[in-house]
């Protein structure tokens, strides 16, 4: 597939952005690895990427942050999610965009927990880095994936401080979701802050509530007031800009703007139980969609799969508390 140029109709560009859905629905594990681990959650399945400027799958040793302190070092705006049952996954009779990876829909019991109202920001991640000297996977490798508005490219110098590359003037990213962080980077932050990544069950319960809604805000199709999606030629928003798109519990930004890492290992569908073991290098689930992908990606049930060392300018995370921190 050729790279879209300025004359390419927007419909063609959007088609290239969302083509990964086909492999997600019909593909094998290898297909998913190619599309989501190398192409990004919104990436185009048929775009041939340039060779990354470094080892293809380097796993550099990074300093492990200290054990979680007695008191959480950062304040978070917590939202309490009550214990209770909810319907997780998609019912194709109700959701015309339902994917096989979201089925079968079933009734799930979630324990009470707290989740951050918005994703972790650049300012919060900066506190962690200053306190520990931590270097992310992108910083160690010297490159990361960047969406250019038409294609994914490996860019030298792209990192959490410069999500789209060092050649661009760095705007004030303190209130934007931190991106260019791998699952391992997010886990390091969580260990230091005394919090955790949400499990896939926790994430969907916080987004969907107990009424089986399609989107965090209900069943109304997304628009610019509800979330930031379907904007492949645009840029990410600061957190908390779409308050009318809040979930039933008041959690913000759970649809669009940036994908979010979950603790849970990837499974092809819901015929097997979830595995929330943090050990190992198995692919992990990402949720929520981003500003790049279309409305299908911001549904509560939509799931993506990424290798834990992967990083790009559309993937961040939020945190949960299952203990006394608040």
Protein backbone atom coordinates (compact mmCIF):
# COMPACT_ATOMS: atom_id res chain seq x y z
CA UNK A 1 0.00 0.00 0.00
CA UNK A 2 1.45 3.34 -0.96
CA UNK A 3 1.74 6.09 1.61
CA UNK A 4 -1.17 8.57 1.30
CA UNK A 5 -0.11 12.00 0.07
CA UNK A 6 -1.81 15.38 0.43
CA UNK A 7 -4.19 14.60 -2.43
CA UNK A 8 -5.43 11.37 -0.88
CA UNK A 9 -9.12 11.67 0.11
CA UNK A 10 -9.67 11.56 3.86
CA UNK A 11 -11.79 8.42 3.48
CA UNK A 12 -8.77 6.59 2.04
CA UNK A 13 -6.57 7.84 4.88
CA UNK A 14 -9.08 6.68 7.51
CA UNK A 15 -9.28 3.32 5.78
CA UNK A 16 -5.51 2.91 6.07
CA UNK A 17 -5.61 3.89 9.73
CA UNK A 18 -8.26 1.32 10.68
CA UNK A 19 -7.25 -1.53 8.38
CA UNK A 20 -5.77 -3.34 11.36
CA UNK A 21 -9.30 -4.31 12.39
CA UNK A 22 -9.40 -6.92 9.64
CA UNK A 23 -6.42 -8.78 11.06
CA UNK A 24 -7.74 -8.35 14.58
CA UNK A 25 -10.99 -10.04 13.60
CA UNK A 26 -9.80 -12.72 11.19
CA UNK A 27 -6.09 -13.03 11.76
CA UNK A 28 -3.99 -15.54 13.58
CA UNK A 29 -1.79 -14.76 16.57
CA UNK A 30 1.03 -13.94 14.13
CA UNK A 31 -1.22 -11.52 12.23
CA UNK A 32 -2.11 -9.75 15.45
CA UNK A 33 1.54 -9.56 16.43
CA UNK A 34 2.36 -7.86 13.13
CA UNK A 35 -0.56 -5.42 13.16
CA UNK A 36 -0.68 -4.42 16.82
CA UNK A 37 2.78 -5.09 18.20
CA UNK A 38 4.57 -3.51 15.27
CA UNK A 39 1.84 -1.33 13.79
CA UNK A 40 0.36 0.34 16.84
CA UNK A 41 -3.24 -0.06 17.97
CA UNK A 42 -4.52 2.19 15.17
CA UNK A 43 -1.80 1.24 12.69
CA UNK A 44 -2.31 0.26 9.06
CA UNK A 45 -1.76 -3.45 8.56
CA UNK A 46 -0.33 -3.14 5.03
CA UNK A 47 2.11 -0.28 5.55
CA UNK A 48 5.72 -1.46 5.34
CA UNK A 49 7.64 0.37 8.03
CA UNK A 50 11.28 1.43 7.81
CA UNK A 51 13.76 -0.63 9.77
CA UNK A 52 13.95 0.78 13.31
CA UNK A 53 17.25 2.58 13.97
CA UNK A 54 18.48 0.02 16.47
CA UNK A 55 18.02 -3.61 17.51
CA UNK A 56 14.61 -4.85 16.43
CA UNK A 57 13.59 -6.12 19.84
CA UNK A 58 16.11 -4.72 22.27
CA UNK A 59 15.36 -5.17 25.94
CA UNK A 60 17.90 -2.84 27.57
CA UNK A 61 18.42 -3.18 31.28
CA UNK A 62 17.01 -0.15 33.01
CA UNK A 63 17.40 0.81 36.65
CA UNK A 64 14.61 -0.67 38.73
CA UNK A 65 12.88 2.01 40.79
CA UNK A 66 12.78 1.64 44.55
CA UNK A 67 10.03 -0.29 46.28
CA UNK A 68 6.71 1.48 46.79
CA UNK A 69 6.93 4.04 49.60
CA UNK A 70 4.77 3.98 52.71
CA UNK A 71 2.84 7.00 51.41
CA UNK A 72 2.00 7.51 47.75
CA UNK A 73 4.37 10.23 46.42
CA UNK A 74 1.82 11.67 43.98
CA UNK A 75 -1.76 12.85 44.43
CA UNK A 76 -4.33 11.28 42.13
CA UNK A 77 -7.93 12.30 41.55
CA UNK A 78 -9.53 8.99 42.46
CA UNK A 79 -12.96 7.74 41.39
CA UNK A 80 -14.39 4.86 43.41
CA UNK A 81 -15.84 2.05 41.30
CA UNK A 82 -18.25 0.00 43.42
CA UNK A 83 -18.18 -3.78 43.56
CA UNK A 84 -20.78 -5.52 41.46
CA UNK A 85 -21.63 -7.41 38.31
CA UNK A 86 -21.51 -5.98 34.80
CA UNK A 87 -21.66 -7.38 31.28
CA UNK A 88 -18.18 -7.48 29.74
CA UNK A 89 -17.58 -7.83 26.02
CA UNK A 90 -19.78 -7.39 22.97
CA UNK A 91 -23.16 -8.75 21.96
CA UNK A 92 -23.23 -8.72 18.14
CA UNK A 93 -27.02 -8.43 18.23
CA UNK A 94 -26.63 -5.06 19.94
CA UNK A 95 -23.23 -3.83 18.74
CA UNK A 96 -22.83 -3.94 14.96
CA UNK A 97 -19.07 -3.31 15.35
CA UNK A 98 -18.59 -6.28 17.71
CA UNK A 99 -15.38 -8.21 17.11
CA UNK A 100 -14.68 -11.88 17.78
CA UNK A 101 -11.98 -10.85 20.25
CA UNK A 102 -14.70 -9.19 22.39
CA UNK A 103 -16.87 -12.30 22.62
CA UNK A 104 -18.65 -14.04 24.14
CA UNK A 105 -20.19 -11.31 26.25
CA UNK A 106 -20.63 -12.53 29.81
CA UNK A 107 -21.55 -11.39 33.29
CA UNK A 108 -18.49 -10.58 35.41
CA UNK A 109 -18.10 -9.65 39.07
CA UNK A 110 -15.64 -6.84 39.82
CA UNK A 111 -14.41 -5.99 43.31
CA UNK A 112 -14.40 -2.39 44.49
CA UNK A 113 -11.38 -0.33 43.47
CA UNK A 114 -10.39 3.24 42.70
CA UNK A 115 -9.23 4.48 39.32
CA UNK A 116 -7.63 7.77 38.35
CA UNK A 117 -10.14 10.14 36.78
CA UNK A 118 -7.75 10.92 33.92
CA UNK A 119 -4.67 9.21 32.47
CA UNK A 120 -1.25 9.79 34.00
CA UNK A 121 0.09 13.11 32.71
CA UNK A 122 3.49 14.27 31.56
CA UNK A 123 3.85 16.29 34.77
CA UNK A 124 3.21 13.23 36.96
CA UNK A 125 5.63 11.10 34.98
CA UNK A 126 8.26 13.85 35.23
CA UNK A 127 8.09 13.70 39.04
CA UNK A 128 8.80 9.96 38.87
CA UNK A 129 11.74 10.46 36.51
CA UNK A 130 13.27 13.23 38.64
CA UNK A 131 12.92 11.14 41.79
CA UNK A 132 14.41 7.94 40.37
CA UNK A 133 16.53 8.81 37.34
CA UNK A 134 14.49 6.29 35.37
CA UNK A 135 15.02 6.03 31.62
CA UNK A 136 12.24 4.69 29.44
CA UNK A 137 12.55 2.05 26.75
CA UNK A 138 12.37 4.76 24.07
CA UNK A 139 15.18 6.73 25.72
CA UNK A 140 17.39 3.67 26.07
CA UNK A 141 16.80 2.56 22.49
CA UNK A 142 16.99 6.10 21.07
CA UNK A 143 13.83 5.83 18.96
CA UNK A 144 10.08 5.20 19.04
CA UNK A 145 7.10 4.95 16.70
CA UNK A 146 5.43 8.22 15.67
CA UNK A 147 2.22 8.81 13.72
CA UNK A 148 2.98 11.45 11.08
CA UNK A 149 -0.63 12.16 10.10
CA UNK A 150 -0.44 9.68 7.22
CA UNK A 151 1.80 6.80 8.32
CA UNK A 152 3.73 5.27 11.22
CA UNK A 153 7.47 5.96 11.26
CA UNK A 154 10.32 5.08 13.59
CA UNK A 155 11.76 8.39 14.76
CA UNK A 156 15.11 8.91 16.47
CA UNK A 157 14.87 10.92 19.66
CA UNK A 158 11.12 10.42 20.15
CA UNK A 159 10.39 9.87 23.85
CA UNK A 160 7.92 10.74 26.58
CA UNK A 161 9.32 14.30 26.61
CA UNK A 162 9.18 14.59 22.82
CA UNK A 163 6.37 12.22 21.73
CA UNK A 164 6.58 13.12 18.05
CA UNK A 165 10.34 13.63 17.86
CA UNK A 166 13.02 16.10 19.01
CA UNK A 167 12.89 18.23 15.88
CA UNK A 168 9.52 19.64 16.91
CA UNK A 169 9.37 22.43 19.45
CA UNK A 170 8.22 20.79 22.68
CA UNK A 171 4.89 22.26 23.77
CA UNK A 172 3.83 22.29 27.41
CA UNK A 173 2.92 18.62 27.77
CA UNK A 174 2.44 18.71 31.54
CA UNK A 175 -1.33 18.29 31.26
CA UNK A 176 -1.29 15.89 28.33
CA UNK A 177 -1.37 12.10 28.72
CA UNK A 178 2.17 10.80 28.96
CA UNK A 179 2.88 8.63 25.90
CA UNK A 180 5.90 6.87 24.39
CA UNK A 181 5.90 4.65 27.48
CA UNK A 182 6.06 0.87 27.28
CA UNK A 183 4.10 -1.46 29.55
CA UNK A 184 7.33 -1.99 31.51
CA UNK A 185 7.73 1.79 31.87
CA UNK A 186 4.15 2.08 33.15
CA UNK A 187 4.77 -0.75 35.62
CA UNK A 188 7.91 0.98 36.90
CA UNK A 189 5.93 4.16 37.54
CA UNK A 190 3.25 2.18 39.37
CA UNK A 191 5.76 0.41 41.63
CA UNK A 192 7.27 3.75 42.59
CA UNK A 193 3.90 5.46 43.14
CA UNK A 194 2.38 2.58 45.10
CA UNK A 195 -0.45 2.08 42.61
CA UNK A 196 -1.20 -0.38 39.81
CA UNK A 197 -2.30 -0.72 36.22
CA UNK A 198 -5.98 -1.64 35.87
CA UNK A 199 -6.84 -5.17 34.95
CA UNK A 200 -8.89 -5.55 31.79
CA UNK A 201 -11.97 -6.26 33.92
CA UNK A 202 -11.41 -3.15 36.04
CA UNK A 203 -10.86 -0.96 33.00
CA UNK A 204 -14.07 -2.05 31.27
CA UNK A 205 -16.13 -1.83 34.48
CA UNK A 206 -14.96 1.77 34.99
CA UNK A 207 -15.74 2.63 31.36
CA UNK A 208 -19.01 0.74 30.91
CA UNK A 209 -20.75 0.70 34.27
CA UNK A 210 -23.60 -1.73 34.88
CA UNK A 211 -25.88 -0.86 31.95
CA UNK A 212 -23.93 -2.47 29.06
CA UNK A 213 -23.50 0.84 27.23
CA UNK A 214 -21.56 0.91 23.97
CA UNK A 215 -19.43 3.94 24.82
CA UNK A 216 -18.32 5.36 28.17
CA UNK A 217 -20.95 8.15 27.94
CA UNK A 218 -23.81 5.91 26.70
CA UNK A 219 -25.02 4.69 23.31
CA UNK A 220 -24.84 7.99 21.40
CA UNK A 221 -22.24 7.88 18.60
CA UNK A 222 -19.07 9.85 19.36
CA UNK A 223 -18.69 13.49 18.43
CA UNK A 224 -16.15 16.22 19.21
CA UNK A 225 -17.87 17.11 22.49
CA UNK A 226 -17.76 13.53 23.79
CA UNK A 227 -14.26 12.39 22.89
CA UNK A 228 -11.25 12.96 20.65
CA UNK A 229 -11.17 10.32 17.93
CA UNK A 230 -11.31 9.98 14.15
CA UNK A 231 -8.72 12.76 13.79
CA UNK A 232 -5.65 11.12 12.17
CA UNK A 233 -4.32 14.44 10.92
CA UNK A 234 -4.74 16.14 14.30
CA UNK A 235 -2.93 16.06 17.64
CA UNK A 236 -3.65 14.79 21.12
CA UNK A 237 -5.65 16.86 23.63
CA UNK A 238 -4.84 17.68 27.24
CA UNK A 239 -6.58 15.41 29.75
CA UNK A 240 -10.11 16.10 30.94
CA UNK A 241 -11.23 18.19 27.96
CA UNK A 242 -14.36 16.13 27.19
CA UNK A 243 -16.37 16.18 30.40
CA UNK A 244 -19.64 15.37 28.63
CA UNK A 245 -17.98 12.08 27.63
CA UNK A 246 -17.53 10.93 31.23
CA UNK A 247 -18.40 7.36 32.16
CA UNK A 248 -21.33 6.52 34.46
CA UNK A 249 -18.92 6.85 37.40
CA UNK A 250 -17.41 10.15 36.23
CA UNK A 251 -14.16 8.75 34.78
CA UNK A 252 -12.87 10.89 31.91
CA UNK A 253 -11.03 10.16 28.65
CA UNK A 254 -11.84 6.45 28.53
CA UNK A 255 -12.72 6.73 24.86
CA UNK A 256 -10.23 8.27 22.44
CA UNK A 257 -7.23 10.60 22.80
CA UNK A 258 -4.75 7.91 23.99
CA UNK A 259 -4.71 4.13 24.32
CA UNK A 260 -4.15 2.81 27.86
CA UNK A 261 -2.09 -0.14 29.04
CA UNK A 262 -3.80 -2.78 31.18
CA UNK A 263 -2.14 -5.25 33.51
CA UNK A 264 -3.79 -8.23 31.82
CA UNK A 265 -2.09 -10.56 29.36
CA UNK A 266 -3.66 -10.77 25.93
CA UNK A 267 -6.10 -13.61 25.20
CA UNK A 268 -7.71 -14.07 21.81
CA UNK A 269 -11.27 -14.02 23.18
CA UNK A 270 -13.25 -14.57 26.37
CA UNK A 271 -13.45 -18.36 26.22
CA UNK A 272 -10.47 -18.55 28.61
CA UNK A 273 -10.07 -16.86 32.02
CA UNK A 274 -8.04 -13.64 32.36
CA UNK A 275 -4.38 -13.76 33.37
CA UNK A 276 -3.22 -10.73 35.38
CA UNK A 277 0.24 -12.07 36.22
CA UNK A 278 2.68 -9.16 35.85
CA UNK A 279 5.65 -11.45 35.19
CA UNK A 280 6.90 -12.35 31.73
CA UNK A 281 7.12 -10.79 28.27
CA UNK A 282 3.70 -11.84 26.98
CA UNK A 283 1.67 -9.28 25.01
CA UNK A 284 -0.61 -7.07 27.11
CA UNK A 285 -4.03 -5.57 26.52
CA UNK A 286 -4.54 -1.92 25.60
CA UNK A 287 -7.91 -0.19 25.82
CA UNK A 288 -9.72 3.01 24.93
CA UNK A 289 -8.63 3.92 21.41
CA UNK A 290 -6.90 7.18 20.53
CA UNK A 291 -7.33 10.41 18.60
CA UNK A 292 -6.16 8.59 15.47
CA UNK A 293 -8.69 5.76 15.11
CA UNK A 294 -12.38 5.95 14.25
CA UNK A 295 -15.47 5.42 16.41
CA UNK A 296 -15.10 1.64 16.43
CA UNK A 297 -11.95 1.96 18.52
CA UNK A 298 -13.55 3.98 21.34
CA UNK A 299 -16.26 1.44 22.21
CA UNK A 300 -16.06 0.16 25.79
CA UNK A 301 -15.48 -3.40 24.60
CA UNK A 302 -12.71 -2.67 22.06
CA UNK A 303 -9.45 -4.48 22.83
CA UNK A 304 -5.95 -4.14 21.39
CA UNK A 305 -2.78 -6.14 21.88
CA UNK A 306 0.79 -4.86 22.17
CA UNK A 307 4.14 -6.31 23.17
CA UNK A 308 5.16 -4.95 26.60
CA UNK A 309 8.26 -3.17 25.25
CA UNK A 310 6.29 -1.35 22.52
CA UNK A 311 5.93 2.45 22.64
CA UNK A 312 4.39 5.09 20.40
CA UNK A 313 2.87 8.57 20.55
CA UNK A 314 -0.68 7.30 21.10
CA UNK A 315 -0.22 4.88 24.03
CA UNK A 316 -0.29 5.93 27.68
CA UNK A 317 -1.85 4.59 30.90
CA UNK A 318 -3.92 5.36 33.97
CA UNK A 319 -3.69 3.82 37.43
CA UNK A 320 -5.81 2.11 40.07
CA UNK A 321 -5.66 1.75 43.84
CA UNK A 322 -6.74 -1.42 45.59
CA UNK A 323 -5.46 -0.43 49.06
CA UNK A 324 -5.18 2.57 51.40
CA UNK A 325 -3.66 5.04 48.93
CA UNK A 326 -5.88 7.95 48.02
